[in-house]
């Protein structure tokens, strides 16, 4: 692919962003410096579940993540702890508790079992959290238009 940079020059088959940086992370031709990947930055002024979760791990492990990239790295390095805490924070109702979160002796590509022994009811965990005014199910068929089924207390 031949693309044009903001100055109108071709990039020899390597796509460049408007700022002239290569999309594939190679060095910028203008100053020879390596490009750093751009990571998602959550809005700091909103009360999001992501920021709540981040604060939970900062408090629990006496850490301060400088940015999303550090938090992401922590979740990858501590994935068992991360998913166990996420399960608890999310208040998922289990009918049978798990024996262990994950077998760390197996690699992820070997598909270890997560939350071995746990059982849950998806419907109970989704519908029971709603209120009567919430939509629980959307459905459509060849005979009917799109309809809503309200939540009910179980």
Protein backbone atom coordinates (compact mmCIF):
# COMPACT_ATOMS: atom_id res chain seq x y z
CA UNK A 1 0.00 0.00 0.00
CA UNK A 2 1.25 3.46 -0.80
CA UNK A 3 -0.05 6.19 1.47
CA UNK A 4 0.56 9.87 1.71
CA UNK A 5 1.80 11.61 4.82
CA UNK A 6 0.51 15.02 5.84
CA UNK A 7 3.25 16.61 3.78
CA UNK A 8 2.00 14.74 0.69
CA UNK A 9 5.02 12.41 0.34
CA UNK A 10 4.53 8.71 -0.21
CA UNK A 11 5.62 6.38 2.56
CA UNK A 12 7.09 3.56 0.45
CA UNK A 13 4.18 1.21 1.08
CA UNK A 14 4.01 1.77 4.84
CA UNK A 15 0.86 3.46 6.08
CA UNK A 16 1.40 6.60 8.11
CA UNK A 17 -0.94 8.42 10.42
CA UNK A 18 -1.74 12.10 9.86
CA UNK A 19 1.12 13.07 12.18
CA UNK A 20 3.57 11.25 9.90
CA UNK A 21 4.21 8.35 12.28
CA UNK A 22 4.15 4.83 10.90
CA UNK A 23 1.11 2.76 11.79
CA UNK A 24 3.25 -0.36 12.23
CA UNK A 25 5.36 1.11 15.05
CA UNK A 26 8.56 1.55 13.05
CA UNK A 27 10.78 4.60 13.38
CA UNK A 28 9.67 8.01 12.28
CA UNK A 29 11.66 9.03 9.19
CA UNK A 30 11.87 12.67 10.24
CA UNK A 31 13.72 12.28 13.53
CA UNK A 32 14.69 8.59 13.76
CA UNK A 33 13.00 7.98 17.13
CA UNK A 34 11.06 4.78 17.78
CA UNK A 35 7.33 5.21 18.14
CA UNK A 36 5.50 4.06 21.25
CA UNK A 37 2.12 2.37 20.92
CA UNK A 38 -0.88 4.45 21.94
CA UNK A 39 -2.92 2.93 24.77
CA UNK A 40 -6.46 3.62 25.84
CA UNK A 41 -6.76 6.28 28.53
CA UNK A 42 -10.00 6.18 30.54
CA UNK A 43 -11.64 9.50 31.40
CA UNK A 44 -10.40 10.47 34.85
CA UNK A 45 -13.44 12.51 35.82
CA UNK A 46 -16.05 9.76 35.36
CA UNK A 47 -17.02 7.17 37.94
CA UNK A 48 -16.58 4.06 35.79
CA UNK A 49 -16.43 0.42 36.84
CA UNK A 50 -12.97 0.23 35.27
CA UNK A 51 -11.64 2.96 37.56
CA UNK A 52 -13.36 1.37 40.56
CA UNK A 53 -11.68 -1.92 39.73
CA UNK A 54 -8.34 -0.21 39.26
CA UNK A 55 -8.65 1.49 42.65
CA UNK A 56 -9.56 -1.84 44.25
CA UNK A 57 -6.30 -3.41 43.07
CA UNK A 58 -4.26 -0.33 43.95
CA UNK A 59 -5.64 -0.44 47.51
CA UNK A 60 -5.39 -4.22 47.86
CA UNK A 61 -1.78 -4.41 46.66
CA UNK A 62 -0.60 -0.99 47.85
CA UNK A 63 0.14 0.09 44.27
CA UNK A 64 -0.47 3.16 42.14
CA UNK A 65 -0.89 2.52 38.42
CA UNK A 66 0.44 5.46 36.43
CA UNK A 67 -1.73 4.64 33.42
CA UNK A 68 -3.95 2.07 31.79
CA UNK A 69 -0.94 0.22 30.36
CA UNK A 70 0.43 -0.48 33.86
CA UNK A 71 -2.96 -1.66 35.07
CA UNK A 72 -3.33 -3.90 32.02
CA UNK A 73 0.13 -5.37 32.60
CA UNK A 74 -0.80 -6.06 36.25
CA UNK A 75 -3.99 -7.89 35.21
CA UNK A 76 -2.02 -10.03 32.73
CA UNK A 77 0.69 -10.87 35.28
CA UNK A 78 -1.86 -11.61 38.03
CA UNK A 79 -4.74 -12.97 35.98
CA UNK A 80 -5.97 -15.48 38.58
CA UNK A 81 -6.21 -12.86 41.30
CA UNK A 82 -7.71 -10.35 38.88
CA UNK A 83 -10.54 -12.62 37.72
CA UNK A 84 -11.28 -13.87 41.24
CA UNK A 85 -11.62 -10.32 42.54
CA UNK A 86 -13.66 -9.32 39.51
CA UNK A 87 -16.06 -12.20 40.23
CA UNK A 88 -16.45 -11.05 43.83
CA UNK A 89 -16.77 -7.35 43.01
CA UNK A 90 -19.35 -8.11 40.31
CA UNK A 91 -21.46 -9.91 42.89
CA UNK A 92 -22.06 -12.94 40.66
CA UNK A 93 -24.23 -15.45 42.48
CA UNK A 94 -22.69 -18.93 42.44
CA UNK A 95 -24.74 -22.00 43.36
CA UNK A 96 -21.62 -24.03 44.01
CA UNK A 97 -18.28 -22.45 44.94
CA UNK A 98 -15.12 -23.07 42.93
CA UNK A 99 -12.23 -25.24 44.10
CA UNK A 100 -9.58 -23.01 42.49
CA UNK A 101 -9.61 -20.06 40.12
CA UNK A 102 -7.27 -21.55 37.53
CA UNK A 103 -4.53 -24.17 37.28
CA UNK A 104 -1.42 -22.03 36.86
CA UNK A 105 0.58 -25.12 35.86
CA UNK A 106 -1.16 -25.04 32.48
CA UNK A 107 -0.51 -22.36 29.88
CA UNK A 108 -3.43 -20.29 28.65
CA UNK A 109 -3.17 -21.90 25.20
CA UNK A 110 -3.62 -25.29 26.92
CA UNK A 111 -7.08 -24.06 27.97
CA UNK A 112 -7.08 -24.57 31.73
CA UNK A 113 -10.46 -24.67 33.46
CA UNK A 114 -11.50 -21.42 35.10
CA UNK A 115 -13.33 -21.49 38.45
CA UNK A 116 -13.26 -25.29 38.51
CA UNK A 117 -16.30 -26.71 40.30
CA UNK A 118 -18.39 -23.52 40.24
CA UNK A 119 -21.95 -23.53 38.95
CA UNK A 120 -24.25 -20.61 38.31
CA UNK A 121 -27.54 -19.73 36.69
CA UNK A 122 -27.03 -17.10 33.98
CA UNK A 123 -30.69 -16.08 33.95
CA UNK A 124 -30.78 -15.55 37.70
CA UNK A 125 -27.64 -13.41 37.58
CA UNK A 126 -28.96 -11.25 34.74
CA UNK A 127 -32.68 -10.87 35.41
CA UNK A 128 -32.64 -10.68 39.19
CA UNK A 129 -30.52 -7.53 39.11
CA UNK A 130 -33.11 -5.58 37.14
CA UNK A 131 -36.13 -3.56 38.16
CA UNK A 132 -39.62 -3.85 36.69
CA UNK A 133 -39.03 -0.94 34.28
CA UNK A 134 -35.89 -2.54 32.79
CA UNK A 135 -35.97 -4.56 29.60
CA UNK A 136 -34.98 -8.15 30.30
CA UNK A 137 -35.34 -9.68 26.86
CA UNK A 138 -35.70 -8.34 23.33
CA UNK A 139 -37.07 -10.71 20.75
CA UNK A 140 -38.40 -10.65 17.24
CA UNK A 141 -39.88 -13.26 14.96
CA UNK A 142 -41.35 -13.52 11.49
CA UNK A 143 -44.82 -13.18 13.06
CA UNK A 144 -44.22 -10.33 15.51
CA UNK A 145 -42.35 -7.05 15.56
CA UNK A 146 -39.52 -6.44 18.03
CA UNK A 147 -41.03 -6.75 21.50
CA UNK A 148 -39.75 -6.25 25.03
CA UNK A 149 -40.21 -8.58 27.99
CA UNK A 150 -39.85 -6.74 31.32
CA UNK A 151 -37.78 -8.10 34.19
CA UNK A 152 -39.48 -9.96 37.00
CA UNK A 153 -38.44 -10.65 40.57
CA UNK A 154 -37.60 -14.29 41.14
